Amino acid sequence: MNFKIAATVILYNPEDEIFDNIDSYAKEVDKLIVVDNSTQYNNDLIKRLEDAFTNLEYINNEGNLGIATALNIGCDAAIKNSSDWILTMDQDSKFLNFKHYKDCLLSLDDISKVALLAANTMWHAKDHLPTNPTFNYEEKFLVITSGNLLNLSLFNNIGRFEDKLFIDMVDHDYCIRAQEKEYKILYFEDVLVEHSLGSLFKRRNLITGKIRNKIEHNPQRVYYITRNFLYTWKKYSGIFPKEFNLLKTLNILFIHEITKIILYEDQKLKKIYAKFLGLYHFLIGKYGQYNL
């Protein structure tokens, strides 16, 4: 069986270097849909993409509409193009073996209940590239957006990405709604994507003095993560009580994360303020874009 595959990548003030990331999969799909959320446009990059990929559709949102809205725009364009599946990518993600990913899709006997496929995303994926990749997979509860192949025949039934979340937890919300409807998420360990989560810094523990690499988010992201994590807890804890236990949620968001901020991170007061502002906005039901 042959599938028509589109890909969408969401841009936000991109650097020239992300061309190589897009090039790692763009020529292997039928349609490349670039959705631009930038506030500072890289016209040279867009021109280079237009020259390199004849399958390109460029959509300029003329501002940052958030990851959820941009994903919905990309999916709408793919459906209009009669695509069966859509690859969802962050601009800072790069495939190492996208051809194998397509083979994994073709290896499935029944895709009628498969909401999406997920790739193995990591910092240094090239160090783990298998010599003889397999078609082995396992079912997952939650995966991140970047590197997914979404089944567009199920997109409207599952429901669109939640615009009011803007960024963060958008992917988790979609995964949970897919499983509410008893659809599957299949994770292929041998499909590798190099992906950056936050920023990696060397930080000294204030107590032990040891220096370690730590992933940090800026205060703006801390705000969205806190608010939207609480949103998903409230919305789904009754359906998936094990995954969204209240004590576990509070421990992750406040005890563990605040401890990490105090011991390791910069902008301590701004991040703690952002975390409690996210809690406050969750309590009063304030969503959408919010600039600290």
C-alpha atoms as a PDB file:
ATOM      1  CA  MET A   1       0.000   0.000   0.000  1.00  0.00           C
ATOM      2  CA  ASN A   2       1.258   3.449  -0.883  1.00  0.00           C
ATOM      3  CA  PHE A   3       0.516   6.471   1.254  1.00  0.00           C
ATOM      4  CA  LYS A   4       0.658  10.135   0.367  1.00  0.00           C
ATOM      5  CA  ILE A   5       2.820  11.747   3.048  1.00  0.00           C
ATOM      6  CA  ALA A   6       3.085  15.438   3.826  1.00  0.00           C
ATOM      7  CA  ALA A   7       5.420  17.108   6.303  1.00  0.00           C
ATOM      8  CA  THR A   8       4.934  20.305   8.241  1.00  0.00           C
ATOM      9  CA  VAL A   9       7.644  22.215  10.071  1.00  0.00           C
ATOM     10  CA  ILE A  10       6.855  25.166  12.320  1.00  0.00           C
ATOM     11  CA  LEU A  11       9.310  28.058  12.067  1.00  0.00           C
ATOM     12  CA  TYR A  12       9.965  30.648  14.747  1.00  0.00           C
ATOM     13  CA  ASN A  13      12.722  33.184  14.060  1.00  0.00           C
ATOM     14  CA  PRO A  14      14.870  30.472  12.454  1.00  0.00           C
ATOM     15  CA  GLU A  15      18.607  30.531  11.854  1.00  0.00           C
ATOM     16  CA  ASP A  16      20.095  29.549   8.486  1.00  0.00           C
ATOM     17  CA  GLU A  17      21.342  26.254   9.944  1.00  0.00           C
ATOM     18  CA  ILE A  18      17.866  24.752  10.155  1.00  0.00           C
ATOM     19  CA  PHE A  19      17.911  24.231   6.369  1.00  0.00           C
ATOM     20  CA  ASP A  20      19.895  21.027   6.925  1.00  0.00           C
ATOM     21  CA  ASN A  21      17.276  19.810   9.406  1.00  0.00           C
ATOM     22  CA  ILE A  22      14.480  20.257   6.876  1.00  0.00           C
ATOM     23  CA  ASP A  23      16.606  18.741   4.123  1.00  0.00           C
ATOM     24  CA  SER A  24      16.822  15.491   6.127  1.00  0.00           C
ATOM     25  CA  TYR A  25      13.220  14.618   5.213  1.00  0.00           C
ATOM     26  CA  ALA A  26      11.805  17.178   2.745  1.00  0.00           C
ATOM     27  CA  LYS A  27      12.695  15.306  -0.436  1.00  0.00           C
ATOM     28  CA  GLU A  28      11.168  12.087   0.901  1.00  0.00           C
ATOM     29  CA  VAL A  29       7.635  13.482   1.299  1.00  0.00           C
ATOM     30  CA  ASP A  30       5.018  14.405  -1.267  1.00  0.00           C
ATOM     31  CA  LYS A  31       4.310  17.841   0.212  1.00  0.00           C
ATOM     32  CA  LEU A  32       6.431  20.094   2.432  1.00  0.00           C
ATOM     33  CA  ILE A  33       4.318  22.593   4.365  1.00  0.00           C
ATOM     34  CA  VAL A  34       6.337  25.302   6.120  1.00  0.00           C
ATOM     35  CA  VAL A  35       4.247  27.254   8.633  1.00  0.00           C
ATOM     36  CA  ASP A  36       6.012  30.416   9.754  1.00  0.00           C
ATOM     37  CA  ASN A  37       5.227  31.760  13.237  1.00  0.00           C
ATOM     38  CA  SER A  38       8.170  34.154  13.150  1.00  0.00           C
ATOM     39  CA  THR A  39       8.246  37.694  14.431  1.00  0.00           C
ATOM     40  CA  GLN A  40      11.651  38.177  12.741  1.00  0.00           C
ATOM     41  CA  TYR A  41      11.630  36.707   9.246  1.00  0.00           C
ATOM     42  CA  ASN A  42      14.559  34.954   7.624  1.00  0.00           C
ATOM     43  CA  ASN A  43      13.851  35.776   3.989  1.00  0.00           C
ATOM     44  CA  ASP A  44      17.124  34.253   2.796  1.00  0.00           C
ATOM     45  CA  LEU A  45      16.210  30.932   4.373  1.00  0.00           C
ATOM     46  CA  ILE A  46      12.729  30.940   2.812  1.00  0.00           C
ATOM     47  CA  LYS A  47      14.213  31.709  -0.604  1.00  0.00           C
ATOM     48  CA  ARG A  48      16.670  28.858  -0.174  1.00  0.00           C
ATOM     49  CA  LEU A  49      13.856  26.473   0.760  1.00  0.00           C
ATOM     50  CA  GLU A  50      11.793  27.580  -2.240  1.00  0.00           C
ATOM     51  CA  ASP A  51      14.730  26.984  -4.557  1.00  0.00           C
ATOM     52  CA  ALA A  52      15.566  23.575  -3.091  1.00  0.00           C
ATOM     53  CA  PHE A  53      12.130  21.951  -2.713  1.00  0.00           C
ATOM     54  CA  THR A  54       9.587  21.990  -5.526  1.00  0.00           C
ATOM     55  CA  ASN A  55       7.009  20.396  -3.203  1.00  0.00           C
ATOM     56  CA  LEU A  56       7.061  23.392  -0.835  1.00  0.00           C
ATOM     57  CA  GLU A  57       3.995  25.282   0.388  1.00  0.00           C
ATOM     58  CA  TYR A  58       4.950  28.276   2.520  1.00  0.00           C
ATOM     59  CA  ILE A  59       2.361  29.740   4.911  1.00  0.00           C
ATOM     60  CA  ASN A  60       3.196  32.982   6.701  1.00  0.00           C
ATOM     61  CA  ASN A  61       1.150  33.510   9.854  1.00  0.00           C
ATOM     62  CA  GLU A  62       2.472  37.079  10.162  1.00  0.00           C
ATOM     63  CA  GLY A  63       3.218  36.607  13.836  1.00  0.00           C
ATOM     64  CA  ASN A  64       3.385  33.925  16.493  1.00  0.00           C
ATOM     65  CA  LEU A  65       0.034  32.110  16.642  1.00  0.00           C
ATOM     66  CA  GLY A  66       1.423  29.328  18.819  1.00  0.00           C
ATOM     67  CA  ILE A  67       2.414  25.758  18.057  1.00  0.00           C
ATOM     68  CA  ALA A  68      -1.128  24.341  18.272  1.00  0.00           C
ATOM     69  CA  THR A  69      -2.631  26.741  15.727  1.00  0.00           C
ATOM     70  CA  ALA A  70       0.364  26.298  13.423  1.00  0.00           C
ATOM     71  CA  LEU A  71       0.013  22.503  13.567  1.00  0.00           C
ATOM     72  CA  ASN A  72      -3.681  22.772  12.748  1.00  0.00           C
ATOM     73  CA  ILE A  73      -2.867  24.984   9.764  1.00  0.00           C
ATOM     74  CA  GLY A  74      -0.324  22.435   8.565  1.00  0.00           C
ATOM     75  CA  CYS A  75      -2.766  19.545   8.968  1.00  0.00           C
ATOM     76  CA  ASP A  76      -5.506  21.464   7.151  1.00  0.00           C
ATOM     77  CA  ALA A  77      -3.158  22.124   4.239  1.00  0.00           C
ATOM     78  CA  ALA A  78      -2.143  18.452   4.115  1.00  0.00           C
ATOM     79  CA  ILE A  79      -5.757  17.276   4.132  1.00  0.00           C
ATOM     80  CA  LYS A  80      -6.561  19.763   1.359  1.00  0.00           C
ATOM     81  CA  ASN A  81      -3.682  18.195  -0.563  1.00  0.00           C
ATOM     82  CA  SER A  82      -5.274  14.729  -0.071  1.00  0.00           C
ATOM     83  CA  SER A  83      -2.408  13.503   2.113  1.00  0.00           C
ATOM     84  CA  ASP A  84      -2.897  10.349   4.189  1.00  0.00           C
ATOM     85  CA  TRP A  85      -0.227  11.056   6.813  1.00  0.00           C
ATOM     86  CA  ILE A  86       1.627  14.149   7.977  1.00  0.00           C
ATOM     87  CA  LEU A  87       5.061  14.370   9.552  1.00  0.00           C
ATOM     88  CA  THR A  88       5.134  17.024  12.314  1.00  0.00           C
ATOM     89  CA  MET A  89       8.540  18.595  12.923  1.00  0.00           C
ATOM     90  CA  ASP A  90      10.171  21.264  15.054  1.00  0.00           C
ATOM     91  CA  GLN A  91      12.687  23.456  13.260  1.00  0.00           C
ATOM     92  CA  ASP A  92      15.489  22.179  15.508  1.00  0.00           C
ATOM     93  CA  SER A  93      14.849  18.487  14.694  1.00  0.00           C
ATOM     94  CA  LYS A  94      16.774  16.447  12.146  1.00  0.00           C
ATOM     95  CA  PHE A  95      16.063  12.945  10.834  1.00  0.00           C
ATOM     96  CA  LEU A  96      18.850  10.428  10.522  1.00  0.00           C
ATOM     97  CA  ASN A  97      16.910   7.702   8.683  1.00  0.00           C
ATOM     98  CA  PHE A  98      13.574   8.970   7.425  1.00  0.00           C
ATOM     99  CA  LYS A  99      13.422   6.391   4.613  1.00  0.00           C
ATOM    100  CA  HIS A 100      13.351   3.660   7.250  1.00  0.00           C
ATOM    101  CA  TYR A 101      10.476   5.482   8.976  1.00  0.00           C
ATOM    102  CA  LYS A 102       8.429   5.218   5.782  1.00  0.00           C
ATOM    103  CA  ASP A 103       9.271   1.527   5.604  1.00  0.00           C
ATOM    104  CA  CYS A 104       8.065   1.131   9.190  1.00  0.00           C
ATOM    105  CA  LEU A 105       4.742   2.676   8.198  1.00  0.00           C
ATOM    106  CA  LEU A 106       4.427   0.327   5.225  1.00  0.00           C
ATOM    107  CA  SER A 107       5.246  -2.668   7.436  1.00  0.00           C
ATOM    108  CA  LEU A 108       2.075  -2.226   9.496  1.00  0.00           C
ATOM    109  CA  ASP A 109      -0.704  -4.643   8.638  1.00  0.00           C
ATOM    110  CA  ASP A 110      -3.542  -2.519  10.023  1.00  0.00           C
ATOM    111  CA  ILE A 111      -3.383   1.245  10.510  1.00  0.00           C
ATOM    112  CA  SER A 112      -7.104   1.819  11.086  1.00  0.00           C
ATOM    113  CA  LYS A 113      -6.574   2.259  14.850  1.00  0.00           C
ATOM    114  CA  VAL A 114      -3.141   3.914  14.707  1.00  0.00           C
ATOM    115  CA  ALA A 115      -3.338   7.608  15.599  1.00  0.00           C
ATOM    116  CA  LEU A 116       0.338   8.288  15.081  1.00  0.00           C
ATOM    117  CA  LEU A 117       3.823   6.875  14.826  1.00  0.00           C
ATOM    118  CA  ALA A 118       6.606   8.289  16.982  1.00  0.00           C
ATOM    119  CA  ALA A 119      10.346   8.385  16.396  1.00  0.00           C
ATOM    120  CA  ASN A 120      13.185   8.056  18.881  1.00  0.00           C
ATOM    121  CA  THR A 121      14.247  11.639  19.646  1.00  0.00           C
ATOM    122  CA  MET A 122      17.496  12.395  21.476  1.00  0.00           C
ATOM    123  CA  TRP A 123      20.347  14.873  21.727  1.00  0.00           C
ATOM    124  CA  HIS A 124      23.046  12.808  20.012  1.00  0.00           C
ATOM    125  CA  ALA A 125      21.054  10.425  17.866  1.00  0.00           C
ATOM    126  CA  LYS A 126      23.883   9.764  15.390  1.00  0.00           C
ATOM    127  CA  ASP A 127      25.804   7.969  18.148  1.00  0.00           C
ATOM    128  CA  HIS A 128      22.964   5.447  18.378  1.00  0.00           C
ATOM    129  CA  LEU A 129      22.175   4.858  14.710  1.00  0.00           C
ATOM    130  CA  PRO A 130      21.618   1.087  14.259  1.00  0.00           C
ATOM    131  CA  THR A 131      23.430  -0.783  11.502  1.00  0.00           C
ATOM    132  CA  ASN A 132      20.433  -3.000  10.818  1.00  0.00           C
ATOM    133  CA  PRO A 133      17.325  -1.066  11.915  1.00  0.00           C
ATOM    134  CA  THR A 134      14.260  -3.128  12.729  1.00  0.00           C
ATOM    135  CA  PHE A 135      10.529  -2.544  12.374  1.00  0.00           C
ATOM    136  CA  ASN A 136      10.026  -3.237  16.083  1.00  0.00           C
ATOM    137  CA  TYR A 137       7.730  -0.892  17.972  1.00  0.00           C
ATOM    138  CA  GLU A 138       6.037  -0.471  21.327  1.00  0.00           C
ATOM    139  CA  GLU A 139       2.893   1.342  22.331  1.00  0.00           C
ATOM    140  CA  LYS A 140       3.320   4.616  24.210  1.00  0.00           C
ATOM    141  CA  PHE A 141       0.996   6.789  26.275  1.00  0.00           C
ATOM    142  CA  LEU A 142       2.640  10.169  25.571  1.00  0.00           C
ATOM    143  CA  VAL A 143       5.131  11.345  22.949  1.00  0.00           C
ATOM    144  CA  ILE A 144       6.395  14.745  21.822  1.00  0.00           C
ATOM    145  CA  THR A 145       5.212  16.282  18.543  1.00  0.00           C
ATOM    146  CA  SER A 146       8.508  16.427  16.694  1.00  0.00           C
ATOM    147  CA  GLY A 147       9.096  13.342  14.562  1.00  0.00           C
ATOM    148  CA  ASN A 148       5.513  12.095  14.584  1.00  0.00           C
ATOM    149  CA  LEU A 149       3.590  10.717  11.626  1.00  0.00           C
ATOM    150  CA  LEU A 150      -0.079  11.567  12.172  1.00  0.00           C
ATOM    151  CA  ASN A 151      -2.844   9.536  10.595  1.00  0.00           C
ATOM    152  CA  LEU A 152      -4.930  12.251   8.926  1.00  0.00           C
ATOM    153  CA  SER A 153      -7.918   9.948   8.468  1.00  0.00           C
ATOM    154  CA  LEU A 154      -8.334  10.089  12.280  1.00  0.00           C
ATOM    155  CA  PHE A 155      -7.400  13.758  12.783  1.00  0.00           C
ATOM    156  CA  ASN A 156     -10.899  15.210  12.866  1.00  0.00           C
ATOM    157  CA  ASN A 157     -12.233  12.338  14.967  1.00  0.00           C
ATOM    158  CA  ILE A 158      -9.528  12.810  17.588  1.00  0.00           C
ATOM    159  CA  GLY A 159      -9.955  16.569  17.434  1.00  0.00           C
ATOM    160  CA  ARG A 160      -7.672  19.418  16.464  1.00  0.00           C
ATOM    161  CA  PHE A 161      -4.682  20.554  18.488  1.00  0.00           C
ATOM    162  CA  GLU A 162      -5.837  22.702  21.406  1.00  0.00           C
ATOM    163  CA  ASP A 163      -5.256  26.325  20.367  1.00  0.00           C
ATOM    164  CA  LYS A 164      -5.707  27.799  23.826  1.00  0.00           C
ATOM    165  CA  LEU A 165      -2.633  25.965  25.142  1.00  0.00           C
ATOM    166  CA  PHE A 166      -0.514  27.976  22.652  1.00  0.00           C
ATOM    167  CA  ILE A 167       2.679  26.005  23.328  1.00  0.00           C
ATOM    168  CA  ASP A 168       3.658  23.154  25.681  1.00  0.00           C
ATOM    169  CA  MET A 169       1.528  20.085  26.446  1.00  0.00           C
ATOM    170  CA  VAL A 170      -0.119  20.481  23.026  1.00  0.00           C
ATOM    171  CA  ASP A 171       1.342  17.137  21.978  1.00  0.00           C
ATOM    172  CA  HIS A 172       0.371  15.401  25.220  1.00  0.00           C
ATOM    173  CA  ASP A 173      -3.191  16.676  24.996  1.00  0.00           C
ATOM    174  CA  TYR A 174      -3.512  15.236  21.478  1.00  0.00           C
ATOM    175  CA  CYS A 175      -2.045  11.884  22.553  1.00  0.00           C
ATOM    176  CA  ILE A 176      -4.450  11.576  25.464  1.00  0.00           C
ATOM    177  CA  ARG A 177      -7.490  12.375  23.340  1.00  0.00           C
ATOM    178  CA  ALA A 178      -6.355   9.757  20.825  1.00  0.00           C
ATOM    179  CA  GLN A 179      -6.234   7.132  23.548  1.00  0.00           C
ATOM    180  CA  GLU A 180      -9.594   8.211  24.923  1.00  0.00           C
ATOM    181  CA  LYS A 181     -10.910   6.911  21.616  1.00  0.00           C
ATOM    182  CA  GLU A 182      -8.794   3.744  21.945  1.00  0.00           C
ATOM    183  CA  TYR A 183      -6.392   4.641  19.153  1.00  0.00           C
ATOM    184  CA  LYS A 184      -2.756   3.575  19.330  1.00  0.00           C
ATOM    185  CA  ILE A 185       0.551   5.430  19.474  1.00  0.00           C
ATOM    186  CA  LEU A 186       3.389   3.322  18.071  1.00  0.00           C
ATOM    187  CA  TYR A 187       6.978   4.191  18.984  1.00  0.00           C
ATOM    188  CA  PHE A 188       9.797   2.970  16.714  1.00  0.00           C
ATOM    189  CA  GLU A 189      13.081   2.899  18.606  1.00  0.00           C
ATOM    190  CA  ASP A 190      15.239   2.471  15.481  1.00  0.00           C
ATOM    191  CA  VAL A 191      13.876   5.612  13.792  1.00  0.00           C
ATOM    192  CA  LEU A 192      16.182   8.353  15.021  1.00  0.00           C
ATOM    193  CA  VAL A 193      15.732  12.103  15.238  1.00  0.00           C
ATOM    194  CA  GLU A 194      18.201  14.560  16.721  1.00  0.00           C
ATOM    195  CA  HIS A 195      16.109  16.959  18.766  1.00  0.00           C
ATOM    196  CA  SER A 196      16.815  19.793  21.166  1.00  0.00           C
ATOM    197  CA  LEU A 197      14.710  20.172  24.325  1.00  0.00           C
ATOM    198  CA  GLY A 198      15.224  23.546  25.952  1.00  0.00           C
ATOM    199  CA  SER A 199      18.833  24.651  26.379  1.00  0.00           C
ATOM    200  CA  LEU A 200      21.709  22.618  27.746  1.00  0.00           C
ATOM    201  CA  PHE A 201      23.947  24.331  30.298  1.00  0.00           C
ATOM    202  CA  LYS A 202      26.727  23.338  32.659  1.00  0.00           C
ATOM    203  CA  ARG A 203      25.486  24.129  36.173  1.00  0.00           C
ATOM    204  CA  ARG A 204      27.047  23.820  39.610  1.00  0.00           C
ATOM    205  CA  ASN A 205      24.933  22.325  42.405  1.00  0.00           C
ATOM    206  CA  LEU A 206      24.787  24.903  45.217  1.00  0.00           C
ATOM    207  CA  ILE A 207      25.048  22.166  47.860  1.00  0.00           C
ATOM    208  CA  THR A 208      27.442  19.564  46.446  1.00  0.00           C
ATOM    209  CA  GLY A 209      29.461  21.873  44.177  1.00  0.00           C
ATOM    210  CA  LYS A 210      29.336  19.288  41.369  1.00  0.00           C
ATOM    211  CA  ILE A 211      28.985  20.532  37.780  1.00  0.00           C
ATOM    212  CA  ARG A 212      26.508  18.756  35.514  1.00  0.00           C
ATOM    213  CA  ASN A 213      24.787  19.325  32.185  1.00  0.00           C
ATOM    214  CA  LYS A 214      21.224  20.498  32.773  1.00  0.00           C
ATOM    215  CA  ILE A 215      18.310  21.231  30.453  1.00  0.00           C
ATOM    216  CA  GLU A 216      16.735  24.577  31.267  1.00  0.00           C
ATOM    217  CA  HIS A 217      13.701  26.450  30.015  1.00  0.00           C
ATOM    218  CA  ASN A 218      13.381  30.215  30.094  1.00  0.00           C
ATOM    219  CA  PRO A 219      10.776  31.827  32.410  1.00  0.00           C
ATOM    220  CA  GLN A 220       8.259  32.149  29.563  1.00  0.00           C
ATOM    221  CA  ARG A 221       8.350  28.408  28.915  1.00  0.00           C
ATOM    222  CA  VAL A 222       8.209  27.674  32.653  1.00  0.00           C
ATOM    223  CA  TYR A 223       4.937  29.602  32.760  1.00  0.00           C
ATOM    224  CA  TYR A 224       3.358  27.685  29.863  1.00  0.00           C
ATOM    225  CA  ILE A 225       4.571  24.295  31.085  1.00  0.00           C
ATOM    226  CA  THR A 226       3.113  24.867  34.551  1.00  0.00           C
ATOM    227  CA  ARG A 227      -0.240  26.235  33.396  1.00  0.00           C
ATOM    228  CA  ASN A 228      -0.771  23.660  30.679  1.00  0.00           C
ATOM    229  CA  PHE A 229       0.409  20.689  32.728  1.00  0.00           C
ATOM    230  CA  LEU A 230      -2.241  21.596  35.307  1.00  0.00           C
ATOM    231  CA  TYR A 231      -4.789  21.910  32.496  1.00  0.00           C
ATOM    232  CA  THR A 232      -4.117  18.356  31.333  1.00  0.00           C
ATOM    233  CA  TRP A 233      -4.225  17.079  34.914  1.00  0.00           C
ATOM    234  CA  LYS A 234      -7.646  18.640  35.508  1.00  0.00           C
ATOM    235  CA  LYS A 235      -9.035  17.504  32.161  1.00  0.00           C
ATOM    236  CA  TYR A 236      -7.841  13.903  32.218  1.00  0.00           C
ATOM    237  CA  SER A 237      -7.252  12.847  35.838  1.00  0.00           C
ATOM    238  CA  GLY A 238     -10.734  11.329  36.025  1.00  0.00           C
ATOM    239  CA  ILE A 239     -10.097   9.243  32.897  1.00  0.00           C
ATOM    240  CA  PHE A 240      -6.442   8.338  33.529  1.00  0.00           C
ATOM    241  CA  PRO A 241      -6.032   8.617  37.338  1.00  0.00           C
ATOM    242  CA  LYS A 242      -2.751   6.658  37.401  1.00  0.00           C
ATOM    243  CA  GLU A 243      -1.040   8.936  34.893  1.00  0.00           C
ATOM    244  CA  PHE A 244      -2.474  12.162  36.348  1.00  0.00           C
ATOM    245  CA  ASN A 245      -2.281  11.632  40.092  1.00  0.00           C
ATOM    246  CA  LEU A 246      -2.617  14.936  41.979  1.00  0.00           C
ATOM    247  CA  LEU A 247       0.243  14.365  44.406  1.00  0.00           C
ATOM    248  CA  LYS A 248       2.533  13.235  41.588  1.00  0.00           C
ATOM    249  CA  THR A 249       1.603  16.290  39.521  1.00  0.00           C
ATOM    250  CA  LEU A 250       2.254  18.729  42.371  1.00  0.00           C
ATOM    251  CA  ASN A 251       5.544  17.005  43.179  1.00  0.00           C
ATOM    252  CA  ILE A 252       6.762  17.268  39.582  1.00  0.00           C
ATOM    253  CA  LEU A 253       5.653  20.857  38.999  1.00  0.00           C
ATOM    254  CA  PHE A 254       6.496  22.450  42.303  1.00  0.00           C
ATOM    255  CA  ILE A 255       8.667  20.394  44.649  1.00  0.00           C
ATOM    256  CA  HIS A 256      10.995  18.797  42.105  1.00  0.00           C
ATOM    257  CA  GLU A 257      11.094  21.659  39.587  1.00  0.00           C
ATOM    258  CA  ILE A 258      11.506  24.474  42.106  1.00  0.00           C
ATOM    259  CA  THR A 259      14.264  22.515  43.836  1.00  0.00           C
ATOM    260  CA  LYS A 260      16.034  22.116  40.475  1.00  0.00           C
ATOM    261  CA  ILE A 261      15.651  25.831  39.734  1.00  0.00           C
ATOM    262  CA  ILE A 262      17.094  26.828  43.124  1.00  0.00           C
ATOM    263  CA  LEU A 263      20.000  24.389  43.023  1.00  0.00           C
ATOM    264  CA  TYR A 264      21.060  24.631  39.388  1.00  0.00           C
ATOM    265  CA  GLU A 265      19.474  27.312  37.264  1.00  0.00           C
ATOM    266  CA  ASP A 266      19.806  31.003  36.499  1.00  0.00           C
ATOM    267  CA  GLN A 267      16.939  33.534  36.726  1.00  0.00           C
ATOM    268  CA  LYS A 268      15.705  31.764  39.845  1.00  0.00           C
ATOM    269  CA  LEU A 269      13.211  34.396  41.012  1.00  0.00           C
ATOM    270  CA  LYS A 270      11.795  34.972  37.515  1.00  0.00           C
ATOM    271  CA  LYS A 271      11.248  31.251  36.986  1.00  0.00           C
ATOM    272  CA  ILE A 272       9.618  30.714  40.376  1.00  0.00           C
ATOM    273  CA  TYR A 273       7.392  33.741  39.724  1.00  0.00           C
ATOM    274  CA  ALA A 274       6.483  32.309  36.294  1.00  0.00           C
ATOM    275  CA  LYS A 275       5.609  28.965  37.852  1.00  0.00           C
ATOM    276  CA  PHE A 276       3.210  30.469  40.393  1.00  0.00           C
ATOM    277  CA  LEU A 277       1.732  32.811  37.785  1.00  0.00           C
ATOM    278  CA  GLY A 278       1.020  29.723  35.680  1.00  0.00           C
ATOM    279  CA  LEU A 279      -0.729  28.191  38.693  1.00  0.00           C
ATOM    280  CA  TYR A 280      -2.787  31.359  39.205  1.00  0.00           C
ATOM    281  CA  HIS A 281      -3.853  31.558  35.568  1.00  0.00           C
ATOM    282  CA  PHE A 282      -4.832  27.889  35.653  1.00  0.00           C
ATOM    283  CA  LEU A 283      -7.016  28.558  38.700  1.00  0.00           C
ATOM    284  CA  ILE A 284      -8.803  31.491  37.028  1.00  0.00           C
ATOM    285  CA  GLY A 285      -9.020  29.755  33.636  1.00  0.00           C
ATOM    286  CA  LYS A 286      -6.790  32.156  31.704  1.00  0.00           C
ATOM    287  CA  TYR A 287      -5.310  30.511  28.586  1.00  0.00           C
ATOM    288  CA  GLY A 288      -3.929  31.468  25.215  1.00  0.00           C
ATOM    289  CA  GLN A 289      -0.796  33.541  24.630  1.00  0.00           C
ATOM    290  CA  TYR A 290       0.638  35.391  27.599  1.00  0.00           C
ATOM    291  CA  ASN A 291       3.891  37.335  27.555  1.00  0.00           C
ATOM    292  CA  LEU A 292       5.721  37.700  30.858  1.00  0.00           C
END
